[in-house]
C-alpha atoms as a PDB file:
ATOM      1  CA  MET A   1       0.000   0.000   0.000  1.00  0.00           C
ATOM      2  CA  LEU A   2       1.136   3.521  -0.735  1.00  0.00           C
ATOM      3  CA  SER A   3       1.180   6.327   1.783  1.00  0.00           C
ATOM      4  CA  PRO A   4      -1.677   8.833   1.385  1.00  0.00           C
ATOM      5  CA  ARG A   5       0.657  11.425  -0.147  1.00  0.00           C
ATOM      6  CA  ARG A   6       2.181   9.013  -2.649  1.00  0.00           C
ATOM      7  CA  GLU A   7      -1.269   7.723  -3.555  1.00  0.00           C
ATOM      8  CA  THR A   8      -2.424  11.300  -4.182  1.00  0.00           C
ATOM      9  CA  ILE A   9       0.631  11.970  -6.347  1.00  0.00           C
ATOM     10  CA  LEU A  10       0.145   8.748  -8.319  1.00  0.00           C
ATOM     11  CA  LYS A  11      -3.544   9.481  -8.938  1.00  0.00           C
ATOM     12  CA  SER A  12      -2.620  12.978 -10.101  1.00  0.00           C
ATOM     13  CA  ILE A  13      -0.044  11.598 -12.529  1.00  0.00           C
ATOM     14  CA  VAL A  14      -2.457   8.989 -13.902  1.00  0.00           C
ATOM     15  CA  GLY A  15      -5.319  11.464 -14.219  1.00  0.00           C
ATOM     16  CA  GLN A  16      -3.241  14.119 -15.942  1.00  0.00           C
ATOM     17  CA  TYR A  17      -1.560  11.656 -18.283  1.00  0.00           C
ATOM     18  CA  ILE A  18      -4.921  10.185 -19.304  1.00  0.00           C
ATOM     19  CA  MET A  19      -6.167  13.679 -20.158  1.00  0.00           C
ATOM     20  CA  LYS A  20      -3.088  15.184 -21.807  1.00  0.00           C
ATOM     21  CA  ALA A  21      -0.980  12.247 -23.055  1.00  0.00           C
ATOM     22  CA  THR A  22       2.221  14.079 -22.030  1.00  0.00           C
ATOM     23  CA  PRO A  23       4.631  13.216 -19.201  1.00  0.00           C
ATOM     24  CA  VAL A  24       3.609  14.863 -15.925  1.00  0.00           C
ATOM     25  CA  ALA A  25       6.077  17.185 -14.190  1.00  0.00           C
ATOM     26  CA  SER A  26       6.290  17.697 -10.427  1.00  0.00           C
ATOM     27  CA  GLN A  27       5.046  21.295 -10.770  1.00  0.00           C
ATOM     28  CA  SER A  28       1.887  19.989 -12.439  1.00  0.00           C
ATOM     29  CA  VAL A  29       1.256  17.648  -9.515  1.00  0.00           C
ATOM     30  CA  VAL A  30       1.624  20.540  -7.051  1.00  0.00           C
ATOM     31  CA  ALA A  31      -0.757  22.710  -9.056  1.00  0.00           C
ATOM     32  CA  ASP A  32      -3.224  19.875  -9.487  1.00  0.00           C
ATOM     33  CA  HIS A  33      -3.713  19.148  -5.799  1.00  0.00           C
ATOM     34  CA  GLU A  34      -2.278  22.229  -4.110  1.00  0.00           C
ATOM     35  CA  LEU A  35      -0.157  20.065  -1.850  1.00  0.00           C
ATOM     36  CA  ALA A  36       1.520  21.972   0.961  1.00  0.00           C
ATOM     37  CA  VAL A  37       4.950  20.686   0.017  1.00  0.00           C
ATOM     38  CA  SER A  38       7.692  21.865  -2.299  1.00  0.00           C
ATOM     39  CA  PRO A  39       8.266  20.571  -5.836  1.00  0.00           C
ATOM     40  CA  ALA A  40      11.494  19.047  -4.507  1.00  0.00           C
ATOM     41  CA  THR A  41       9.490  16.928  -2.031  1.00  0.00           C
ATOM     42  CA  ILE A  42       7.164  15.894  -4.836  1.00  0.00           C
ATOM     43  CA  ARG A  43      10.143  14.900  -6.974  1.00  0.00           C
ATOM     44  CA  ASN A  44      11.482  12.831  -4.081  1.00  0.00           C
ATOM     45  CA  GLU A  45       8.143  11.046  -3.729  1.00  0.00           C
ATOM     46  CA  MET A  46       8.028  10.502  -7.487  1.00  0.00           C
ATOM     47  CA  ALA A  47      11.471   8.905  -7.279  1.00  0.00           C
ATOM     48  CA  HIS A  48      10.087   6.423  -4.732  1.00  0.00           C
ATOM     49  CA  LEU A  49       7.100   5.715  -6.974  1.00  0.00           C
ATOM     50  CA  GLU A  50       9.518   5.032  -9.822  1.00  0.00           C
ATOM     51  CA  GLU A  51      11.597   2.690  -7.678  1.00  0.00           C
ATOM     52  CA  GLU A  52       8.451   0.777  -6.730  1.00  0.00           C
ATOM     53  CA  GLY A  53       7.423   0.450 -10.388  1.00  0.00           C
ATOM     54  CA  TYR A  54       4.320   2.660 -10.375  1.00  0.00           C
ATOM     55  CA  ILE A  55       5.647   5.294 -12.786  1.00  0.00           C
ATOM     56  CA  ILE A  56       8.253   5.549 -15.537  1.00  0.00           C
ATOM     57  CA  ARG A  57      10.656   8.427 -16.207  1.00  0.00           C
ATOM     58  CA  GLN A  58      13.145   8.650 -19.054  1.00  0.00           C
ATOM     59  CA  HIS A  59      15.591  10.517 -16.801  1.00  0.00           C
ATOM     60  CA  THR A  60      15.618  12.222 -13.389  1.00  0.00           C
ATOM     61  CA  SER A  61      14.423  15.629 -14.534  1.00  0.00           C
ATOM     62  CA  ALA A  62      11.825  14.299 -16.978  1.00  0.00           C
ATOM     63  CA  GLY A  63       8.108  14.126 -16.384  1.00  0.00           C
ATOM     64  CA  SER A  64       6.460  10.865 -15.379  1.00  0.00           C
ATOM     65  CA  ILE A  65       4.057   8.471 -17.061  1.00  0.00           C
ATOM     66  CA  PRO A  66       2.170   5.637 -15.330  1.00  0.00           C
ATOM     67  CA  SER A  67       3.305   2.044 -15.699  1.00  0.00           C
ATOM     68  CA  ASP A  68       0.883  -0.890 -15.953  1.00  0.00           C
ATOM     69  CA  LYS A  69       1.320  -1.281 -12.179  1.00  0.00           C
ATOM     70  CA  GLY A  70       0.442   2.379 -11.664  1.00  0.00           C
ATOM     71  CA  TYR A  71      -2.693   2.061 -13.776  1.00  0.00           C
ATOM     72  CA  ARG A  72      -3.671  -1.075 -11.842  1.00  0.00           C
ATOM     73  CA  TYR A  73      -3.360   0.742  -8.514  1.00  0.00           C
ATOM     74  CA  TYR A  74      -5.430   3.588  -9.917  1.00  0.00           C
ATOM     75  CA  VAL A  75      -8.170   1.247 -11.159  1.00  0.00           C
ATOM     76  CA  GLU A  76      -8.322  -0.619  -7.858  1.00  0.00           C
ATOM     77  CA  SER A  77      -8.743   2.686  -6.024  1.00  0.00           C
ATOM     78  CA  LEU A  78     -11.764   3.758  -8.083  1.00  0.00           C
ATOM     79  CA  GLY A  79     -14.335   1.792  -6.072  1.00  0.00           C
ATOM     80  CA  ASP A  80     -17.914   1.542  -7.319  1.00  0.00           C
ATOM     81  CA  ILE A  81     -18.538   3.992 -10.151  1.00  0.00           C
ATOM     82  CA  GLU A  82     -21.656   4.558 -12.218  1.00  0.00           C
ATOM     83  CA  LEU A  83     -22.441   6.334 -15.445  1.00  0.00           C
ATOM     84  CA  PRO A  84     -23.981   9.756 -14.644  1.00  0.00           C
ATOM     85  CA  LEU A  85     -27.756   9.548 -14.328  1.00  0.00           C
ATOM     86  CA  ALA A  86     -28.365  11.998 -17.195  1.00  0.00           C
ATOM     87  CA  GLU A  87     -26.327   9.808 -19.538  1.00  0.00           C
ATOM     88  CA  GLN A  88     -28.101   6.678 -18.332  1.00  0.00           C
ATOM     89  CA  ARG A  89     -31.419   8.268 -19.253  1.00  0.00           C
ATOM     90  CA  LEU A  90     -30.115   9.351 -22.643  1.00  0.00           C
ATOM     91  CA  VAL A  91     -28.787   5.873 -23.465  1.00  0.00           C
ATOM     92  CA  SER A  92     -32.014   4.234 -22.308  1.00  0.00           C
ATOM     93  CA  HIS A  93     -33.996   6.625 -24.494  1.00  0.00           C
ATOM     94  CA  LEU A  94     -31.859   5.747 -27.532  1.00  0.00           C
ATOM     95  CA  PHE A  95     -32.578   2.056 -27.052  1.00  0.00           C
ATOM     96  CA  HIS A  96     -36.305   2.703 -26.860  1.00  0.00           C
ATOM     97  CA  GLN A  97     -36.141   4.463 -30.233  1.00  0.00           C
ATOM     98  CA  VAL A  98     -34.850   1.440 -32.172  1.00  0.00           C
ATOM     99  CA  GLU A  99     -36.752  -1.650 -33.219  1.00  0.00           C
ATOM    100  CA  ARG A 100     -37.059  -4.453 -30.688  1.00  0.00           C
ATOM    101  CA  GLU A 101     -34.555  -6.645 -32.494  1.00  0.00           C
ATOM    102  CA  LEU A 102     -31.396  -8.092 -31.015  1.00  0.00           C
ATOM    103  CA  GLU A 103     -29.273  -7.051 -33.988  1.00  0.00           C
ATOM    104  CA  GLU A 104     -30.364  -3.421 -33.644  1.00  0.00           C
ATOM    105  CA  TRP A 105     -29.652  -3.430 -29.918  1.00  0.00           C
ATOM    106  CA  LEU A 106     -26.155  -4.837 -30.351  1.00  0.00           C
ATOM    107  CA  ARG A 107     -25.255  -2.432 -33.140  1.00  0.00           C
ATOM    108  CA  LEU A 108     -26.471   0.498 -31.024  1.00  0.00           C
ATOM    109  CA  ALA A 109     -24.638  -0.792 -27.933  1.00  0.00           C
ATOM    110  CA  ALA A 110     -21.337  -0.824 -29.817  1.00  0.00           C
ATOM    111  CA  SER A 111     -21.919   2.684 -31.173  1.00  0.00           C
ATOM    112  CA  VAL A 112     -22.982   4.189 -27.826  1.00  0.00           C
ATOM    113  CA  THR A 113     -20.139   2.563 -25.879  1.00  0.00           C
ATOM    114  CA  ALA A 114     -17.566   3.807 -28.375  1.00  0.00           C
ATOM    115  CA  GLN A 115     -19.002   7.328 -28.162  1.00  0.00           C
ATOM    116  CA  LEU A 116     -18.991   7.329 -24.368  1.00  0.00           C
ATOM    117  CA  VAL A 117     -15.393   6.128 -24.003  1.00  0.00           C
ATOM    118  CA  GLN A 118     -13.913   7.521 -27.234  1.00  0.00           C
ATOM    119  CA  ASN A 119     -12.241   4.188 -27.926  1.00  0.00           C
ATOM    120  CA  MET A 120     -13.166   1.038 -29.786  1.00  0.00           C
ATOM    121  CA  ALA A 121     -16.131  -1.014 -28.566  1.00  0.00           C
ATOM    122  CA  VAL A 122     -16.885  -4.663 -29.296  1.00  0.00           C
ATOM    123  CA  VAL A 123     -20.204  -6.443 -28.699  1.00  0.00           C
ATOM    124  CA  THR A 124     -20.984 -10.081 -29.455  1.00  0.00           C
ATOM    125  CA  THR A 125     -24.227 -11.870 -30.133  1.00  0.00           C
ATOM    126  CA  PRO A 126     -25.320 -13.916 -27.096  1.00  0.00           C
ATOM    127  CA  ARG A 127     -24.558 -17.596 -27.288  1.00  0.00           C
ATOM    128  CA  THR A 128     -24.817 -20.583 -25.003  1.00  0.00           C
ATOM    129  CA  THR A 129     -21.532 -21.171 -23.194  1.00  0.00           C
ATOM    130  CA  ASN A 130     -22.448 -24.649 -21.952  1.00  0.00           C
ATOM    131  CA  CYS A 131     -25.664 -25.514 -23.706  1.00  0.00           C
ATOM    132  CA  GLN A 132     -28.411 -27.451 -21.992  1.00  0.00           C
ATOM    133  CA  PHE A 133     -30.914 -29.882 -23.440  1.00  0.00           C
ATOM    134  CA  LYS A 134     -34.528 -28.723 -23.279  1.00  0.00           C
ATOM    135  CA  TYR A 135     -36.630 -31.344 -25.055  1.00  0.00           C
ATOM    136  CA  LEU A 136     -36.871 -33.697 -28.029  1.00  0.00           C
ATOM    137  CA  GLU A 137     -39.670 -34.408 -30.468  1.00  0.00           C
ATOM    138  CA  LEU A 138     -39.727 -37.416 -32.823  1.00  0.00           C
ATOM    139  CA  VAL A 139     -41.910 -37.552 -35.934  1.00  0.00           C
ATOM    140  CA  SER A 140     -42.276 -40.732 -37.980  1.00  0.00           C
ATOM    141  CA  LEU A 141     -41.662 -40.193 -41.702  1.00  0.00           C
ATOM    142  CA  GLN A 142     -41.320 -43.775 -42.910  1.00  0.00           C
ATOM    143  CA  GLU A 143     -41.041 -47.172 -41.246  1.00  0.00           C
ATOM    144  CA  LEU A 144     -37.284 -46.804 -40.723  1.00  0.00           C
ATOM    145  CA  LEU A 145     -36.998 -43.013 -40.864  1.00  0.00           C
ATOM    146  CA  ALA A 146     -37.898 -40.289 -38.362  1.00  0.00           C
ATOM    147  CA  LEU A 147     -37.344 -36.564 -37.956  1.00  0.00           C
ATOM    148  CA  ALA A 148     -35.721 -35.683 -34.634  1.00  0.00           C
ATOM    149  CA  VAL A 149     -36.200 -32.112 -33.411  1.00  0.00           C
ATOM    150  CA  PHE A 150     -33.750 -31.267 -30.625  1.00  0.00           C
ATOM    151  CA  VAL A 151     -34.474 -28.056 -28.699  1.00  0.00           C
ATOM    152  CA  LEU A 152     -31.580 -26.568 -26.686  1.00  0.00           C
ATOM    153  CA  ARG A 153     -31.780 -23.721 -24.210  1.00  0.00           C
ATOM    154  CA  GLY A 154     -31.130 -20.388 -25.825  1.00  0.00           C
ATOM    155  CA  ALA A 155     -33.861 -20.900 -28.420  1.00  0.00           C
ATOM    156  CA  ARG A 156     -31.662 -23.129 -30.574  1.00  0.00           C
ATOM    157  CA  ILE A 157     -33.431 -25.816 -32.579  1.00  0.00           C
ATOM    158  CA  LYS A 158     -31.613 -28.601 -34.403  1.00  0.00           C
ATOM    159  CA  GLN A 159     -33.249 -31.083 -36.749  1.00  0.00           C
ATOM    160  CA  ARG A 160     -31.819 -34.409 -37.854  1.00  0.00           C
ATOM    161  CA  LEU A 161     -33.084 -37.322 -39.927  1.00  0.00           C
ATOM    162  CA  ILE A 162     -32.654 -40.569 -37.997  1.00  0.00           C
ATOM    163  CA  THR A 163     -32.544 -43.916 -39.806  1.00  0.00           C
ATOM    164  CA  PHE A 164     -33.350 -46.925 -37.612  1.00  0.00           C
ATOM    165  CA  ASP A 165     -32.418 -50.581 -38.080  1.00  0.00           C
ATOM    166  CA  GLN A 166     -35.951 -51.666 -37.267  1.00  0.00           C
ATOM    167  CA  THR A 167     -39.488 -50.438 -37.827  1.00  0.00           C
ATOM    168  CA  VAL A 168     -40.548 -47.892 -35.183  1.00  0.00           C
ATOM    169  CA  THR A 169     -44.129 -46.644 -34.876  1.00  0.00           C
ATOM    170  CA  GLN A 170     -45.134 -43.086 -33.968  1.00  0.00           C
ATOM    171  CA  SER A 171     -46.398 -44.231 -30.575  1.00  0.00           C
ATOM    172  CA  GLU A 172     -43.046 -45.876 -29.872  1.00  0.00           C
ATOM    173  CA  LEU A 173     -41.234 -42.709 -30.963  1.00  0.00           C
ATOM    174  CA  THR A 174     -43.409 -40.583 -28.691  1.00  0.00           C
ATOM    175  CA  ALA A 175     -42.749 -42.881 -25.747  1.00  0.00           C
ATOM    176  CA  LEU A 176     -39.019 -42.822 -26.505  1.00  0.00           C
ATOM    177  CA  ALA A 177     -38.957 -39.002 -26.702  1.00  0.00           C
ATOM    178  CA  ASN A 178     -40.860 -38.741 -23.409  1.00  0.00           C
ATOM    179  CA  LYS A 179     -38.388 -41.054 -21.696  1.00  0.00           C
ATOM    180  CA  LEU A 180     -35.341 -39.120 -22.933  1.00  0.00           C
ATOM    181  CA  ASN A 181     -36.964 -35.786 -22.072  1.00  0.00           C
ATOM    182  CA  SER A 182     -37.593 -36.980 -18.549  1.00  0.00           C
ATOM    183  CA  ALA A 183     -34.027 -38.240 -18.181  1.00  0.00           C
ATOM    184  CA  TYR A 184     -32.073 -35.398 -19.842  1.00  0.00           C
ATOM    185  CA  ALA A 185     -34.112 -32.171 -19.513  1.00  0.00           C
ATOM    186  CA  GLY A 186     -31.953 -29.309 -18.234  1.00  0.00           C
ATOM    187  CA  LEU A 187     -28.692 -31.268 -18.455  1.00  0.00           C
ATOM    188  CA  THR A 188     -25.442 -30.308 -20.165  1.00  0.00           C
ATOM    189  CA  ARG A 189     -23.549 -32.607 -22.500  1.00  0.00           C
ATOM    190  CA  SER A 190     -21.209 -33.870 -19.776  1.00  0.00           C
ATOM    191  CA  GLN A 191     -24.133 -34.504 -17.429  1.00  0.00           C
ATOM    192  CA  ILE A 192     -25.953 -36.490 -20.102  1.00  0.00           C
ATOM    193  CA  LEU A 193     -22.884 -38.654 -20.644  1.00  0.00           C
ATOM    194  CA  GLU A 194     -22.761 -39.336 -16.901  1.00  0.00           C
ATOM    195  CA  ARG A 195     -26.475 -40.165 -16.816  1.00  0.00           C
ATOM    196  CA  ILE A 196     -26.404 -42.909 -19.501  1.00  0.00           C
ATOM    197  CA  SER A 197     -26.892 -46.362 -17.953  1.00  0.00           C
ATOM    198  CA  GLU A 198     -27.558 -49.423 -20.102  1.00  0.00           C
ATOM    199  CA  PRO A 199     -29.671 -47.698 -22.757  1.00  0.00           C
ATOM    200  CA  SER A 200     -31.550 -49.561 -25.432  1.00  0.00           C
ATOM    201  CA  PRO A 201     -30.110 -49.413 -28.984  1.00  0.00           C
ATOM    202  CA  LEU A 202     -32.666 -46.734 -29.970  1.00  0.00           C
ATOM    203  CA  GLU A 203     -31.946 -44.685 -26.827  1.00  0.00           C
ATOM    204  CA  ARG A 204     -28.206 -44.973 -27.475  1.00  0.00           C
ATOM    205  CA  GLN A 205     -28.621 -43.865 -31.109  1.00  0.00           C
ATOM    206  CA  LEU A 206     -30.626 -40.760 -30.200  1.00  0.00           C
ATOM    207  CA  THR A 207     -28.395 -39.929 -27.230  1.00  0.00           C
ATOM    208  CA  ASP A 208     -25.280 -40.116 -29.392  1.00  0.00           C
ATOM    209  CA  CYS A 209     -26.922 -37.774 -31.919  1.00  0.00           C
ATOM    210  CA  LEU A 210     -27.869 -35.335 -29.140  1.00  0.00           C
ATOM    211  CA  VAL A 211     -24.409 -35.381 -27.551  1.00  0.00           C
ATOM    212  CA  ASN A 212     -22.729 -34.731 -30.907  1.00  0.00           C
ATOM    213  CA  LEU A 213     -25.056 -31.771 -31.562  1.00  0.00           C
ATOM    214  CA  MET A 214     -24.324 -30.297 -28.142  1.00  0.00           C
ATOM    215  CA  ARG A 215     -20.586 -30.809 -28.588  1.00  0.00           C
ATOM    216  CA  ALA A 216     -20.691 -28.861 -31.834  1.00  0.00           C
ATOM    217  CA  GLU A 217     -22.796 -26.135 -30.218  1.00  0.00           C
ATOM    218  CA  ASP A 218     -20.427 -25.778 -27.247  1.00  0.00           C
ATOM    219  CA  GLY A 219     -17.475 -25.518 -29.597  1.00  0.00           C
ATOM    220  CA  ARG A 220     -19.129 -23.059 -31.948  1.00  0.00           C
ATOM    221  CA  GLU A 221     -17.079 -19.925 -32.560  1.00  0.00           C
ATOM    222  CA  TYR A 222     -18.521 -16.536 -31.755  1.00  0.00           C
ATOM    223  CA  GLU A 223     -20.202 -14.903 -34.682  1.00  0.00           C
ATOM    224  CA  GLU A 224     -18.414 -11.888 -36.088  1.00  0.00           C
ATOM    225  CA  PRO A 225     -18.744  -9.193 -33.400  1.00  0.00           C
ATOM    226  CA  TYR A 226     -20.152  -5.703 -33.771  1.00  0.00           C
ATOM    227  CA  LEU A 227     -17.272  -3.208 -33.771  1.00  0.00           C
ATOM    228  CA  ASP A 228     -17.451   0.552 -33.528  1.00  0.00           C
ATOM    229  CA  GLY A 229     -15.115   3.400 -32.643  1.00  0.00           C
ATOM    230  CA  LEU A 230     -11.931   2.294 -34.378  1.00  0.00           C
ATOM    231  CA  HIS A 231     -11.544   5.857 -35.639  1.00  0.00           C
ATOM    232  CA  PHE A 232     -11.683   7.126 -32.044  1.00  0.00           C
ATOM    233  CA  MET A 233      -8.857   4.846 -31.006  1.00  0.00           C
ATOM    234  CA  LEU A 234      -6.673   5.482 -34.030  1.00  0.00           C
ATOM    235  CA  SER A 235      -6.954   9.238 -33.419  1.00  0.00           C
ATOM    236  CA  GLN A 236      -5.223   8.840 -30.037  1.00  0.00           C
ATOM    237  CA  PRO A 237      -1.607  10.139 -29.813  1.00  0.00           C
ATOM    238  CA  GLU A 238      -0.371   6.571 -29.287  1.00  0.00           C
ATOM    239  CA  PHE A 239      -1.317   5.733 -32.869  1.00  0.00           C
ATOM    240  CA  THR A 240       0.579   8.488 -34.643  1.00  0.00           C
ATOM    241  CA  GLN A 241       3.113   5.841 -35.648  1.00  0.00           C
ATOM    242  CA  GLY A 242       1.778   4.040 -38.674  1.00  0.00           C
ATOM    243  CA  GLN A 243       3.200   0.649 -37.704  1.00  0.00           C
ATOM    244  CA  ARG A 244       1.107   0.423 -34.560  1.00  0.00           C
ATOM    245  CA  SER A 245      -2.037   1.450 -36.410  1.00  0.00           C
ATOM    246  CA  SER A 246      -1.528  -1.099 -39.157  1.00  0.00           C
ATOM    247  CA  SER A 247      -0.805  -3.923 -36.708  1.00  0.00           C
ATOM    248  CA  PHE A 248      -4.085  -3.331 -34.881  1.00  0.00           C
ATOM    249  CA  THR A 249      -6.211  -3.007 -38.015  1.00  0.00           C
ATOM    250  CA  GLU A 250      -4.633  -6.232 -39.274  1.00  0.00           C
ATOM    251  CA  LEU A 251      -5.693  -7.915 -36.040  1.00  0.00           C
ATOM    252  CA  ILE A 252      -9.288  -6.822 -36.631  1.00  0.00           C
ATOM    253  CA  ASP A 253      -9.227  -7.932 -40.269  1.00  0.00           C
ATOM    254  CA  ARG A 254      -8.244 -11.414 -39.184  1.00  0.00           C
ATOM    255  CA  ARG A 255     -11.283 -11.552 -36.899  1.00  0.00           C
ATOM    256  CA  ARG A 256      -9.129 -12.833 -34.056  1.00  0.00           C
ATOM    257  CA  LEU A 257      -9.872  -9.903 -31.775  1.00  0.00           C
ATOM    258  CA  LEU A 258     -12.558 -11.412 -29.568  1.00  0.00           C
ATOM    259  CA  LYS A 259     -10.711 -14.667 -29.034  1.00  0.00           C
ATOM    260  CA  ILE A 260      -7.663 -12.672 -27.928  1.00  0.00           C
ATOM    261  CA  ILE A 261      -9.306 -10.164 -25.594  1.00  0.00           C
ATOM    262  CA  ALA A 262     -12.049 -12.220 -23.882  1.00  0.00           C
ATOM    263  CA  PRO A 263     -10.890 -14.077 -20.742  1.00  0.00           C
ATOM    264  CA  GLU A 264     -12.321 -17.598 -20.700  1.00  0.00           C
ATOM    265  CA  GLU A 265     -12.923 -17.473 -16.945  1.00  0.00           C
ATOM    266  CA  LEU A 266     -14.912 -14.220 -17.037  1.00  0.00           C
ATOM    267  CA  GLU A 267     -17.941 -14.625 -14.777  1.00  0.00           C
ATOM    268  CA  HIS A 268     -21.453 -13.446 -15.572  1.00  0.00           C
ATOM    269  CA  GLN A 269     -22.105  -9.823 -14.467  1.00  0.00           C
ATOM    270  CA  GLU A 270     -18.370  -9.359 -13.793  1.00  0.00           C
ATOM    271  CA  ILE A 271     -16.506  -6.387 -15.280  1.00  0.00           C
ATOM    272  CA  ARG A 272     -12.846  -7.192 -15.851  1.00  0.00           C
ATOM    273  CA  VAL A 273     -10.063  -4.688 -16.540  1.00  0.00           C
ATOM    274  CA  LEU A 274      -6.939  -6.032 -18.258  1.00  0.00           C
ATOM    275  CA  ILE A 275      -4.070  -3.568 -18.441  1.00  0.00           C
ATOM    276  CA  GLY A 276      -1.161  -3.896 -20.848  1.00  0.00           C
ATOM    277  CA  ARG A 277       0.823  -7.019 -20.052  1.00  0.00           C
ATOM    278  CA  GLU A 278      -2.003  -8.433 -17.983  1.00  0.00           C
ATOM    279  CA  ASN A 279      -3.419  -9.491 -21.360  1.00  0.00           C
ATOM    280  CA  GLN A 280      -2.264 -13.007 -22.177  1.00  0.00           C
ATOM    281  CA  ALA A 281      -1.768 -12.510 -25.909  1.00  0.00           C
ATOM    282  CA  GLU A 282       1.388 -10.587 -26.763  1.00  0.00           C
ATOM    283  CA  VAL A 283      -0.292  -8.825 -29.688  1.00  0.00           C
ATOM    284  CA  ILE A 284      -2.658  -6.968 -27.316  1.00  0.00           C
ATOM    285  CA  GLN A 285      -0.168  -6.143 -24.539  1.00  0.00           C
ATOM    286  CA  ASP A 286       0.184  -2.498 -25.572  1.00  0.00           C
ATOM    287  CA  TYR A 287      -3.545  -2.024 -24.943  1.00  0.00           C
ATOM    288  CA  SER A 288      -6.070  -2.167 -22.146  1.00  0.00           C
ATOM    289  CA  VAL A 289      -9.387  -3.953 -22.213  1.00  0.00           C
ATOM    290  CA  VAL A 290     -12.506  -3.358 -20.105  1.00  0.00           C
ATOM    291  CA  ILE A 291     -14.876  -6.251 -20.702  1.00  0.00           C
ATOM    292  CA  GLY A 292     -18.022  -7.795 -19.275  1.00  0.00           C
ATOM    293  CA  ARG A 293     -20.774 -10.326 -19.911  1.00  0.00           C
ATOM    294  CA  TYR A 294     -24.483  -9.743 -20.438  1.00  0.00           C
ATOM    295  CA  GLY A 295     -27.618 -11.798 -20.960  1.00  0.00           C
ATOM    296  CA  PRO A 296     -29.656 -14.339 -18.982  1.00  0.00           C
ATOM    297  CA  ALA A 297     -27.008 -16.686 -17.581  1.00  0.00           C
ATOM    298  CA  ASP A 298     -29.089 -19.855 -18.000  1.00  0.00           C
ATOM    299  CA  GLU A 299     -29.948 -19.120 -21.627  1.00  0.00           C
ATOM    300  CA  ALA A 300     -27.321 -17.240 -23.637  1.00  0.00           C
ATOM    301  CA  VAL A 301     -24.486 -14.895 -22.740  1.00  0.00           C
ATOM    302  CA  GLY A 302     -22.803 -12.199 -24.817  1.00  0.00           C
ATOM    303  CA  THR A 303     -19.730 -10.023 -24.351  1.00  0.00           C
ATOM    304  CA  ILE A 304     -19.352  -6.253 -24.369  1.00  0.00           C
ATOM    305  CA  GLY A 305     -16.061  -4.436 -24.013  1.00  0.00           C
ATOM    306  CA  VAL A 306     -13.820  -1.479 -24.768  1.00  0.00           C
ATOM    307  CA  ILE A 307     -10.309  -1.624 -26.204  1.00  0.00           C
ATOM    308  CA  GLY A 308      -7.842   1.230 -26.203  1.00  0.00           C
ATOM    309  CA  PRO A 309      -4.334   2.292 -25.286  1.00  0.00           C
ATOM    310  CA  THR A 310      -3.282   1.799 -21.659  1.00  0.00           C
ATOM    311  CA  ARG A 311      -3.832   5.559 -21.318  1.00  0.00           C
ATOM    312  CA  MET A 312      -7.560   4.877 -21.132  1.00  0.00           C
ATOM    313  CA  PRO A 313     -10.215   6.795 -19.136  1.00  0.00           C
ATOM    314  CA  TYR A 314     -10.781   3.783 -16.890  1.00  0.00           C
ATOM    315  CA  ALA A 315     -13.548   5.231 -14.723  1.00  0.00           C
ATOM    316  CA  ARG A 316     -15.473   6.179 -17.845  1.00  0.00           C
ATOM    317  CA  ALA A 317     -14.885   2.818 -19.523  1.00  0.00           C
ATOM    318  CA  ILE A 318     -15.845   0.753 -16.473  1.00  0.00           C
ATOM    319  CA  SER A 319     -19.051   2.699 -15.824  1.00  0.00           C
ATOM    320  CA  ALA A 320     -20.067   2.614 -19.517  1.00  0.00           C
ATOM    321  CA  VAL A 321     -19.446  -1.117 -19.965  1.00  0.00           C
ATOM    322  CA  SER A 322     -21.191  -1.886 -16.664  1.00  0.00           C
ATOM    323  CA  TYR A 323     -24.282   0.127 -17.553  1.00  0.00           C
ATOM    324  CA  LEU A 324     -24.557  -1.172 -21.140  1.00  0.00           C
ATOM    325  CA  ALA A 325     -24.064  -4.765 -19.953  1.00  0.00           C
ATOM    326  CA  ALA A 326     -26.905  -4.363 -17.440  1.00  0.00           C
ATOM    327  CA  LEU A 327     -29.128  -2.733 -20.059  1.00  0.00           C
ATOM    328  CA  LEU A 328     -28.491  -5.484 -22.616  1.00  0.00           C
ATOM    329  CA  SER A 329     -29.143  -8.088 -19.929  1.00  0.00           C
ATOM    330  CA  ARG A 330     -32.575  -6.608 -19.250  1.00  0.00           C
ATOM    331  CA  LEU A 331     -33.432  -6.407 -22.941  1.00  0.00           C
ATOM    332  CA  THR A 332     -32.267  -9.922 -23.811  1.00  0.00           C
ATOM    333  CA  ALA A 333     -34.015 -11.333 -20.739  1.00  0.00           C
ATOM    334  CA  GLU A 334     -37.254 -10.010 -22.226  1.00  0.00           C
ATOM    335  CA  LEU A 335     -36.518 -11.830 -25.483  1.00  0.00           C
ATOM    336  CA  TYR A 336     -36.062 -15.096 -23.629  1.00  0.00           C
ATOM    337  CA  GLY A 337     -39.053 -14.499 -21.369  1.00  0.00           C
ATOM    338  CA  LYS A 338     -36.864 -14.279 -18.275  1.00  0.00           C
ATOM    339  CA  GLU A 339     -36.990 -12.057 -15.226  1.00  0.00           C
ATOM    340  CA  PRO A 340     -33.902  -9.783 -15.031  1.00  0.00           C
ATOM    341  CA  GLU A 341     -31.374 -10.927 -12.439  1.00  0.00           C
ATOM    342  CA  PRO A 342     -30.959  -8.861  -9.242  1.00  0.00           C
ATOM    343  CA  GLY A 343     -28.907  -5.715  -9.795  1.00  0.00           C
ATOM    344  CA  GLN A 344     -29.797  -5.453 -13.497  1.00  0.00           C
END
């Protein structure tokens, strides 16, 4: 933990650097907080902050810029922050002006988030992260042929033609579907595999088909995300060098962005901040990411986030992502006929 004075100095350096993108001198820290100490004392405290890895200086007399560690301390000190009420009302009004379609909501969410944070926003379509079986219907087409309709949670319907080795009547198919529905309803793929115990050949055939469908669904890649605000990010001083700009746009073109920035262990309703080298992928370690999940957890979950240089307005980004995630959760819960979760 830092002393109160060093914490004040560090917050001043981070805040000023976020706003101005220029190294912060000791005189600027004094003027910013009107500390009752001399610039020499401030410089001495800044030297300690540098030794402890919170700030970086090119040389002794140069101004300071925050390190990843300094940004992390700053973010942890923010506490609970919310988007101003006037902006919440404005955003809510914008969503009520568009059609009640998921695609429109997601496109608007990306645009609004980018505008609020002045960096690039990414929003994904909700998808099941560990899909659950809902129910099965079997319809006889011919003596040895039936249509199987598998319904998974998240409003996903899969149809398959099933060829049997023996004649099966509609009444037998109905009884078989009822038995499997009773045994597997609400279960994930792994739970279904654990539940199987000496099935009949027909039960085994349908269960294998179901498990393969669920395996494919669980492994399905995210659809191409909604992106907005790239022009905001590329207008930042950090991107005046063409090489950095081209490397990031290449990353987007390859559609690898979401896989790189989204932590696999991100919990529902959690907002995660990844700063610089806290990102696992080397290609994104010059950037910061503020990311969260939205949607009814037992149906389908999407991702919303902001990407920008480490000199990011973190309070703004966290409050914007948090509010938009909660708003999208309420809207998508309505689509799935769910009650919004507490706090949304």
